[in-house]
Structures are given as C-alpha cells and as structure tokens.
Amino acid sequence: MNRVQFRATAWVDGRLLRFEPVLKQPRLRVIISGAEPVTLGSVIELDTARPSLRVSAPLHVEWADEHHETIIDHAQRVRAEITRECDG
C-alpha cells in the first residue's frame, strides 16, 4: 500500500513547528521540532469555523497560549493545502 505522508512546517516565535495530519480526523498534530522533538498538542475541529488548540505538553502551555492564534492560522492553511491535494 502506497501512502503519502504530508508534513508542513512554520516558524512561530523562534520555534519550528511541524504539522502532521491525523488520518480521517479534522485535526493536525503539532510538534516542536528540534534535537528532541516535543508533541505540543493538536489543533482540533479544523472542519468548523472555530478550531482550537489542545496542548498536551505541560512545559509549553504558557508559550502555546500566547501564540495559539498564530498556530491555529498555520494549521488552517496546512489543512486547506492537504484538502486541495487530496481533492486533486
């Protein structure tokens, strides 16, 4: 089975974030890239008008709260690109 893996990245306040789709779900996993990558959490409900960020990394909650709008904006753009590519 040949499966395409889609990843997108964005710099937010000096941190490189990687966005990865979760199969068959309207969400993207958000990972802080680096020598030791950390899963920040997920942007959920990307199929609605009000997606939100769920943070699962306790040491990064304050930073994520400060930048949640930017993270969500990037996730929405990534989701739109994924959707365009899948719809062909």
PDB file of N, CA and C in Angstrom:
ATOM      1  N   MET A   1       0.841  -1.172   0.000  1.00  0.00           N
ATOM      2  CA  MET A   1       0.000   0.000   0.000  1.00  0.00           C
ATOM      3  C   MET A   1       0.890   1.240   0.000  1.00  0.00           C
ATOM      4  N   ASN A   2       0.682   2.122  -0.933  1.00  0.00           N
ATOM      5  CA  ASN A   2       1.471   3.330  -1.064  1.00  0.00           C
ATOM      6  C   ASN A   2       0.717   4.495  -0.421  1.00  0.00           C
ATOM      7  N   ARG A   3       1.256   5.025   0.668  1.00  0.00           N
ATOM      8  CA  ARG A   3       0.579   6.091   1.411  1.00  0.00           C
ATOM      9  C   ARG A   3       1.421   7.355   1.372  1.00  0.00           C
ATOM     10  N   VAL A   4       0.807   8.473   1.048  1.00  0.00           N
ATOM     11  CA  VAL A   4       1.515   9.745   1.010  1.00  0.00           C
ATOM     12  C   VAL A   4       1.534  10.338   2.408  1.00  0.00           C
ATOM     13  N   GLN A   5       2.701  10.742   2.845  1.00  0.00           N
ATOM     14  CA  GLN A   5       2.828  11.426   4.136  1.00  0.00           C
ATOM     15  C   GLN A   5       2.964  12.905   3.868  1.00  0.00           C
ATOM     16  N   PHE A   6       2.151  13.695   4.508  1.00  0.00           N
ATOM     17  CA  PHE A   6       2.189  15.135   4.322  1.00  0.00           C
ATOM     18  C   PHE A   6       2.650  15.777   5.620  1.00  0.00           C
ATOM     19  N   ARG A   7       3.626  16.662   5.510  1.00  0.00           N
ATOM     20  CA  ARG A   7       4.094  17.422   6.661  1.00  0.00           C
ATOM     21  C   ARG A   7       4.293  18.861   6.236  1.00  0.00           C
ATOM     22  N   ALA A   8       4.022  19.768   7.115  1.00  0.00           N
ATOM     23  CA  ALA A   8       4.267  21.182   6.855  1.00  0.00           C
ATOM     24  C   ALA A   8       4.918  21.768   8.093  1.00  0.00           C
ATOM     25  N   THR A   9       5.700  22.808   7.881  1.00  0.00           N
ATOM     26  CA  THR A   9       6.379  23.455   8.996  1.00  0.00           C
ATOM     27  C   THR A   9       6.123  24.953   8.966  1.00  0.00           C
ATOM     28  N   ALA A  10       6.294  25.574  10.121  1.00  0.00           N
ATOM     29  CA  ALA A  10       6.169  27.027  10.239  1.00  0.00           C
ATOM     30  C   ALA A  10       6.973  27.480  11.449  1.00  0.00           C
ATOM     31  N   TRP A  11       7.627  28.624  11.308  1.00  0.00           N
ATOM     32  CA  TRP A  11       8.335  29.227  12.436  1.00  0.00           C
ATOM     33  C   TRP A  11       7.359  30.102  13.201  1.00  0.00           C
ATOM     34  N   VAL A  12       7.285  29.892  14.502  1.00  0.00           N
ATOM     35  CA  VAL A  12       6.461  30.720  15.383  1.00  0.00           C
ATOM     36  C   VAL A  12       7.329  31.121  16.565  1.00  0.00           C
ATOM     37  N   ASP A  13       7.601  32.406  16.671  1.00  0.00           N
ATOM     38  CA  ASP A  13       8.383  32.959  17.786  1.00  0.00           C
ATOM     39  C   ASP A  13       9.664  32.162  18.051  1.00  0.00           C
ATOM     40  N   GLY A  14      10.400  31.892  16.979  1.00  0.00           N
ATOM     41  CA  GLY A  14      11.692  31.218  17.133  1.00  0.00           C
ATOM     42  C   GLY A  14      11.632  29.706  17.282  1.00  0.00           C
ATOM     43  N   ARG A  15      10.451  29.131  17.204  1.00  0.00           N
ATOM     44  CA  ARG A  15      10.315  27.674  17.301  1.00  0.00           C
ATOM     45  C   ARG A  15       9.779  27.136  15.977  1.00  0.00           C
ATOM     46  N   LEU A  16      10.398  26.079  15.509  1.00  0.00           N
ATOM     47  CA  LEU A  16       9.938  25.451  14.282  1.00  0.00           C
ATOM     48  C   LEU A  16       8.875  24.417  14.631  1.00  0.00           C
ATOM     49  N   LEU A  17       7.667  24.647  14.142  1.00  0.00           N
ATOM     50  CA  LEU A  17       6.565  23.722  14.390  1.00  0.00           C
ATOM     51  C   LEU A  17       6.331  22.868  13.155  1.00  0.00           C
ATOM     52  N   ARG A  18       6.048  21.606  13.385  1.00  0.00           N
ATOM     53  CA  ARG A  18       5.716  20.670  12.311  1.00  0.00           C
ATOM     54  C   ARG A  18       4.261  20.263  12.505  1.00  0.00           C
ATOM     55  N   PHE A  19       3.491  20.328  11.432  1.00  0.00           N
ATOM     56  CA  PHE A  19       2.075  19.979  11.462  1.00  0.00           C
ATOM     57  C   PHE A  19       1.895  18.673  10.706  1.00  0.00           C
ATOM     58  N   GLU A  20       1.263  17.704  11.345  1.00  0.00           N
ATOM     59  CA  GLU A  20       1.044  16.401  10.725  1.00  0.00           C
ATOM     60  C   GLU A  20      -0.430  16.029  10.835  1.00  0.00           C
ATOM     61  N   PRO A  21      -1.017  15.559   9.738  1.00  0.00           N
ATOM     62  CA  PRO A  21      -2.428  15.170   9.783  1.00  0.00           C
ATOM     63  C   PRO A  21      -2.643  13.904  10.601  1.00  0.00           C
ATOM     64  N   VAL A  22      -3.814  13.810  11.170  1.00  0.00           N
ATOM     65  CA  VAL A  22      -4.250  12.599  11.864  1.00  0.00           C
ATOM     66  C   VAL A  22      -5.295  11.971  10.947  1.00  0.00           C
ATOM     67  N   LEU A  23      -5.033  10.760  10.493  1.00  0.00           N
ATOM     68  CA  LEU A  23      -5.894  10.130   9.494  1.00  0.00           C
ATOM     69  C   LEU A  23      -7.376  10.155   9.862  1.00  0.00           C
ATOM     70  N   LYS A  24      -8.157  10.572   8.879  1.00  0.00           N
ATOM     71  CA  LYS A  24      -9.619  10.568   8.961  1.00  0.00           C
ATOM     72  C   LYS A  24     -10.164  11.405  10.112  1.00  0.00           C
ATOM     73  N   GLN A  25      -9.408  12.411  10.545  1.00  0.00           N
ATOM     74  CA  GLN A  25      -9.870  13.316  11.605  1.00  0.00           C
ATOM     75  C   GLN A  25      -9.578  14.750  11.195  1.00  0.00           C
ATOM     76  N   PRO A  26     -10.455  15.681  11.550  1.00  0.00           N
ATOM     77  CA  PRO A  26     -10.229  17.091  11.207  1.00  0.00           C
ATOM     78  C   PRO A  26      -9.295  17.757  12.219  1.00  0.00           C
ATOM     79  N   ARG A  27      -8.101  17.216  12.345  1.00  0.00           N
ATOM     80  CA  ARG A  27      -7.125  17.740  13.295  1.00  0.00           C
ATOM     81  C   ARG A  27      -5.722  17.582  12.735  1.00  0.00           C
ATOM     82  N   LEU A  28      -4.819  18.405  13.252  1.00  0.00           N
ATOM     83  CA  LEU A  28      -3.410  18.285  12.923  1.00  0.00           C
ATOM     84  C   LEU A  28      -2.625  18.196  14.213  1.00  0.00           C
ATOM     85  N   ARG A  29      -1.705  17.279  14.267  1.00  0.00           N
ATOM     86  CA  ARG A  29      -0.789  17.171  15.396  1.00  0.00           C
ATOM     87  C   ARG A  29       0.269  18.259  15.220  1.00  0.00           C
ATOM     88  N   VAL A  30       0.637  18.916  16.310  1.00  0.00           N
ATOM     89  CA  VAL A  30       1.630  19.982  16.271  1.00  0.00           C
ATOM     90  C   VAL A  30       2.843  19.538  17.082  1.00  0.00           C
ATOM     91  N   ILE A  31       4.001  19.541  16.434  1.00  0.00           N
ATOM     92  CA  ILE A  31       5.237  19.072  17.056  1.00  0.00           C
ATOM     93  C   ILE A  31       6.263  20.190  17.014  1.00  0.00           C
ATOM     94  N   ILE A  32       6.915  20.443  18.136  1.00  0.00           N
ATOM     95  CA  ILE A  32       8.013  21.394  18.170  1.00  0.00           C
ATOM     96  C   ILE A  32       9.251  20.622  17.731  1.00  0.00           C
ATOM     97  N   SER A  33       9.795  21.023  16.579  1.00  0.00           N
ATOM     98  CA  SER A  33      10.969  20.340  16.030  1.00  0.00           C
ATOM     99  C   SER A  33      12.214  20.749  16.794  1.00  0.00           C
ATOM    100  N   GLY A  34      13.195  19.894  16.755  1.00  0.00           N
ATOM    101  CA  GLY A  34      14.466  20.168  17.410  1.00  0.00           C
ATOM    102  C   GLY A  34      15.228  18.880  17.606  1.00  0.00           C
ATOM    103  N   ALA A  35      16.310  18.951  18.354  1.00  0.00           N
ATOM    104  CA  ALA A  35      17.111  17.765  18.636  1.00  0.00           C
ATOM    105  C   ALA A  35      16.260  16.691  19.307  1.00  0.00           C
ATOM    106  N   GLU A  36      15.377  17.127  20.194  1.00  0.00           N
ATOM    107  CA  GLU A  36      14.418  16.224  20.839  1.00  0.00           C
ATOM    108  C   GLU A  36      13.022  16.783  20.602  1.00  0.00           C
ATOM    109  N   PRO A  37      12.355  16.359  19.518  1.00  0.00           N
ATOM    110  CA  PRO A  37      11.024  16.889  19.210  1.00  0.00           C
ATOM    111  C   PRO A  37      10.044  16.662  20.361  1.00  0.00           C
ATOM    112  N   VAL A  38       9.139  17.614  20.527  1.00  0.00           N
ATOM    113  CA  VAL A  38       8.124  17.544  21.579  1.00  0.00           C
ATOM    114  C   VAL A  38       6.761  17.721  20.928  1.00  0.00           C
ATOM    115  N   THR A  39       5.836  16.817  21.212  1.00  0.00           N
ATOM    116  CA  THR A  39       4.478  16.990  20.719  1.00  0.00           C
ATOM    117  C   THR A  39       3.808  18.062  21.566  1.00  0.00           C
ATOM    118  N   LEU A  40       3.533  19.202  20.928  1.00  0.00           N
ATOM    119  CA  LEU A  40       2.884  20.308  21.614  1.00  0.00           C
ATOM    120  C   LEU A  40       1.423  19.977  21.893  1.00  0.00           C
ATOM    121  N   GLY A  41       0.769  19.358  20.921  1.00  0.00           N
ATOM    122  CA  GLY A  41      -0.641  19.007  21.062  1.00  0.00           C
ATOM    123  C   GLY A  41      -1.278  18.883  19.689  1.00  0.00           C
ATOM    124  N   SER A  42      -2.540  19.309  19.591  1.00  0.00           N
ATOM    125  CA  SER A  42      -3.268  19.220  18.327  1.00  0.00           C
ATOM    126  C   SER A  42      -4.143  20.439  18.137  1.00  0.00           C
ATOM    127  N   VAL A  43      -4.294  20.819  16.876  1.00  0.00           N
ATOM    128  CA  VAL A  43      -5.327  21.782  16.512  1.00  0.00           C
ATOM    129  C   VAL A  43      -6.502  20.933  16.068  1.00  0.00           C
ATOM    130  N   ILE A  44      -7.620  21.091  16.750  1.00  0.00           N
ATOM    131  CA  ILE A  44      -8.795  20.246  16.509  1.00  0.00           C
ATOM    132  C   ILE A  44      -9.917  21.051  15.870  1.00  0.00           C
ATOM    133  N   GLU A  45     -10.926  20.334  15.411  1.00  0.00           N
ATOM    134  CA  GLU A  45     -12.131  20.929  14.819  1.00  0.00           C
ATOM    135  C   GLU A  45     -11.805  21.812  13.621  1.00  0.00           C
ATOM    136  N   LEU A  46     -10.853  21.372  12.807  1.00  0.00           N
ATOM    137  CA  LEU A  46     -10.473  22.135  11.626  1.00  0.00           C
ATOM    138  C   LEU A  46     -11.549  22.135  10.546  1.00  0.00           C
ATOM    139  N   ASP A  47     -12.593  21.360  10.724  1.00  0.00           N
ATOM    140  CA  ASP A  47     -13.709  21.348   9.782  1.00  0.00           C
ATOM    141  C   ASP A  47     -14.827  22.289  10.225  1.00  0.00           C
ATOM    142  N   THR A  48     -14.552  23.114  11.225  1.00  0.00           N
ATOM    143  CA  THR A  48     -15.539  24.070  11.728  1.00  0.00           C
ATOM    144  C   THR A  48     -14.991  25.495  11.583  1.00  0.00           C
ATOM    145  N   ALA A  49     -15.821  26.453  11.898  1.00  0.00           N
ATOM    146  CA  ALA A  49     -15.409  27.862  11.854  1.00  0.00           C
ATOM    147  C   ALA A  49     -14.582  28.254  13.069  1.00  0.00           C
ATOM    148  N   ARG A  50     -14.528  27.388  14.083  1.00  0.00           N
ATOM    149  CA  ARG A  50     -13.824  27.729  15.322  1.00  0.00           C
ATOM    150  C   ARG A  50     -12.897  26.608  15.792  1.00  0.00           C
ATOM    151  N   PRO A  51     -11.827  26.367  15.056  1.00  0.00           N
ATOM    152  CA  PRO A  51     -10.866  25.356  15.518  1.00  0.00           C
ATOM    153  C   PRO A  51     -10.186  25.821  16.804  1.00  0.00           C
ATOM    154  N   SER A  52      -9.627  24.878  17.533  1.00  0.00           N
ATOM    155  CA  SER A  52      -8.954  25.240  18.781  1.00  0.00           C
ATOM    156  C   SER A  52      -7.686  24.410  18.958  1.00  0.00           C
ATOM    157  N   LEU A  53      -6.820  24.906  19.821  1.00  0.00           N
ATOM    158  CA  LEU A  53      -5.556  24.247  20.118  1.00  0.00           C
ATOM    159  C   LEU A  53      -5.673  23.528  21.449  1.00  0.00           C
ATOM    160  N   ARG A  54      -5.341  22.254  21.448  1.00  0.00           N
ATOM    161  CA  ARG A  54      -5.295  21.455  22.673  1.00  0.00           C
ATOM    162  C   ARG A  54      -3.834  21.135  22.947  1.00  0.00           C
ATOM    163  N   VAL A  55      -3.315  21.641  24.050  1.00  0.00           N
ATOM    164  CA  VAL A  55      -1.903  21.480  24.382  1.00  0.00           C
ATOM    165  C   VAL A  55      -1.738  20.283  25.309  1.00  0.00           C
ATOM    166  N   SER A  56      -0.785  19.419  24.954  1.00  0.00           N
ATOM    167  CA  SER A  56      -0.535  18.232  25.774  1.00  0.00           C
ATOM    168  C   SER A  56       0.865  18.244  26.383  1.00  0.00           C
ATOM    169  N   ALA A  57       1.605  19.323  26.173  1.00  0.00           N
ATOM    170  CA  ALA A  57       2.968  19.439  26.707  1.00  0.00           C
ATOM    171  C   ALA A  57       2.963  20.472  27.834  1.00  0.00           C
ATOM    172  N   PRO A  58       2.913  20.023  29.083  1.00  0.00           N
ATOM    173  CA  PRO A  58       2.768  20.942  30.215  1.00  0.00           C
ATOM    174  C   PRO A  58       3.817  22.058  30.270  1.00  0.00           C
ATOM    175  N   LEU A  59       5.032  21.789  29.843  1.00  0.00           N
ATOM    176  CA  LEU A  59       6.081  22.798  29.919  1.00  0.00           C
ATOM    177  C   LEU A  59       5.936  23.885  28.851  1.00  0.00           C
ATOM    178  N   HIS A  60       5.001  23.701  27.923  1.00  0.00           N
ATOM    179  CA  HIS A  60       4.844  24.651  26.825  1.00  0.00           C
ATOM    180  C   HIS A  60       3.467  25.316  26.807  1.00  0.00           C
ATOM    181  N   VAL A  61       2.681  25.133  27.847  1.00  0.00           N
ATOM    182  CA  VAL A  61       1.320  25.668  27.885  1.00  0.00           C
ATOM    183  C   VAL A  61       1.313  27.186  27.780  1.00  0.00           C
ATOM    184  N   GLU A  62       2.125  27.852  28.556  1.00  0.00           N
ATOM    185  CA  GLU A  62       2.129  29.317  28.550  1.00  0.00           C
ATOM    186  C   GLU A  62       2.522  29.857  27.169  1.00  0.00           C
ATOM    187  N   TRP A  63       3.575  29.302  26.571  1.00  0.00           N
ATOM    188  CA  TRP A  63       4.010  29.728  25.251  1.00  0.00           C
ATOM    189  C   TRP A  63       2.906  29.478  24.227  1.00  0.00           C
ATOM    190  N   ALA A  64       2.283  28.306  24.270  1.00  0.00           N
ATOM    191  CA  ALA A  64       1.218  27.966  23.325  1.00  0.00           C
ATOM    192  C   ALA A  64       0.018  28.884  23.496  1.00  0.00           C
ATOM    193  N   ASP A  65      -0.336  29.212  24.731  1.00  0.00           N
ATOM    194  CA  ASP A  65      -1.444  30.139  24.967  1.00  0.00           C
ATOM    195  C   ASP A  65      -1.156  31.501  24.351  1.00  0.00           C
ATOM    196  N   GLU A  66       0.089  31.941  24.470  1.00  0.00           N
ATOM    197  CA  GLU A  66       0.491  33.235  23.929  1.00  0.00           C
ATOM    198  C   GLU A  66       0.425  33.266  22.397  1.00  0.00           C
ATOM    199  N   HIS A  67       0.645  32.115  21.761  1.00  0.00           N
ATOM    200  CA  HIS A  67       0.733  32.063  20.300  1.00  0.00           C
ATOM    201  C   HIS A  67      -0.370  31.221  19.657  1.00  0.00           C
ATOM    202  N   HIS A  68      -1.431  30.924  20.394  1.00  0.00           N
ATOM    203  CA  HIS A  68      -2.439  29.996  19.875  1.00  0.00           C
ATOM    204  C   HIS A  68      -3.072  30.470  18.566  1.00  0.00           C
ATOM    205  N   GLU A  69      -3.334  31.768  18.413  1.00  0.00           N
ATOM    206  CA  GLU A  69      -3.961  32.249  17.177  1.00  0.00           C
ATOM    207  C   GLU A  69      -3.061  32.003  15.967  1.00  0.00           C
ATOM    208  N   THR A  70      -1.776  32.262  16.110  1.00  0.00           N
ATOM    209  CA  THR A  70      -0.834  32.040  15.013  1.00  0.00           C
ATOM    210  C   THR A  70      -0.736  30.559  14.675  1.00  0.00           C
ATOM    211  N   ILE A  71      -0.685  29.717  15.694  1.00  0.00           N
ATOM    212  CA  ILE A  71      -0.600  28.270  15.482  1.00  0.00           C
ATOM    213  C   ILE A  71      -1.845  27.769  14.759  1.00  0.00           C
ATOM    214  N   ILE A  72      -3.004  28.237  15.182  1.00  0.00           N
ATOM    215  CA  ILE A  72      -4.261  27.830  14.539  1.00  0.00           C
ATOM    216  C   ILE A  72      -4.309  28.319  13.094  1.00  0.00           C
ATOM    217  N   ASP A  73      -3.874  29.553  12.845  1.00  0.00           N
ATOM    218  CA  ASP A  73      -3.848  30.081  11.474  1.00  0.00           C
ATOM    219  C   ASP A  73      -2.981  29.206  10.567  1.00  0.00           C
ATOM    220  N   HIS A  74      -1.799  28.831  11.041  1.00  0.00           N
ATOM    221  CA  HIS A  74      -0.926  27.958  10.247  1.00  0.00           C
ATOM    222  C   HIS A  74      -1.599  26.606  10.008  1.00  0.00           C
ATOM    223  N   ALA A  75      -2.227  26.066  11.030  1.00  0.00           N
ATOM    224  CA  ALA A  75      -2.901  24.770  10.892  1.00  0.00           C
ATOM    225  C   ALA A  75      -4.022  24.839   9.856  1.00  0.00           C
ATOM    226  N   GLN A  76      -4.766  25.925   9.841  1.00  0.00           N
ATOM    227  CA  GLN A  76      -5.842  26.065   8.862  1.00  0.00           C
ATOM    228  C   GLN A  76      -5.287  26.114   7.442  1.00  0.00           C
ATOM    229  N   ARG A  77      -4.174  26.803   7.243  1.00  0.00           N
ATOM    230  CA  ARG A  77      -3.560  26.854   5.913  1.00  0.00           C
ATOM    231  C   ARG A  77      -3.051  25.466   5.489  1.00  0.00           C
ATOM    232  N   VAL A  78      -2.455  24.742   6.428  1.00  0.00           N
ATOM    233  CA  VAL A  78      -1.960  23.398   6.129  1.00  0.00           C
ATOM    234  C   VAL A  78      -3.128  22.490   5.767  1.00  0.00           C
ATOM    235  N   ARG A  79      -4.182  22.549   6.543  1.00  0.00           N
ATOM    236  CA  ARG A  79      -5.367  21.714   6.274  1.00  0.00           C
ATOM    237  C   ARG A  79      -5.948  22.030   4.895  1.00  0.00           C
ATOM    238  N   ALA A  80      -6.013  23.319   4.547  1.00  0.00           N
ATOM    239  CA  ALA A  80      -6.534  23.710   3.232  1.00  0.00           C
ATOM    240  C   ALA A  80      -5.665  23.134   2.117  1.00  0.00           C
ATOM    241  N   GLU A  81      -4.360  23.156   2.302  1.00  0.00           N
ATOM    242  CA  GLU A  81      -3.440  22.611   1.300  1.00  0.00           C
ATOM    243  C   GLU A  81      -3.604  21.102   1.177  1.00  0.00           C
ATOM    244  N   ILE A  82      -3.726  20.428   2.303  1.00  0.00           N
ATOM    245  CA  ILE A  82      -3.932  18.975   2.292  1.00  0.00           C
ATOM    246  C   ILE A  82      -5.225  18.645   1.542  1.00  0.00           C
ATOM    247  N   THR A  83      -6.266  19.387   1.846  1.00  0.00           N
ATOM    248  CA  THR A  83      -7.574  19.152   1.229  1.00  0.00           C
ATOM    249  C   THR A  83      -7.492  19.352  -0.288  1.00  0.00           C
ATOM    250  N   ARG A  84      -6.803  20.412  -0.724  1.00  0.00           N
ATOM    251  CA  ARG A  84      -6.644  20.661  -2.166  1.00  0.00           C
ATOM    252  C   ARG A  84      -5.896  19.505  -2.828  1.00  0.00           C
ATOM    253  N   GLU A  85      -4.819  19.034  -2.183  1.00  0.00           N
ATOM    254  CA  GLU A  85      -4.041  17.948  -2.773  1.00  0.00           C
ATOM    255  C   GLU A  85      -4.828  16.649  -2.824  1.00  0.00           C
ATOM    256  N   CYS A  86      -5.618  16.390  -1.809  1.00  0.00           N
ATOM    257  CA  CYS A  86      -6.396  15.147  -1.770  1.00  0.00           C
ATOM    258  C   CYS A  86      -7.557  15.189  -2.757  1.00  0.00           C
ATOM    259  N   ASP A  87      -8.131  16.374  -2.940  1.00  0.00           N
ATOM    260  CA  ASP A  87      -9.250  16.511  -3.876  1.00  0.00           C
ATOM    261  C   ASP A  87      -8.788  16.551  -5.326  1.00  0.00           C
ATOM    262  N   GLY A  88      -7.469  16.731  -5.487  1.00  0.00           N
ATOM    263  CA  GLY A  88      -6.847  16.683  -6.799  1.00  0.00           C
ATOM    264  C   GLY A  88      -7.138  17.857  -7.635  1.00  0.00           C
TER     265      GLY A  88
END
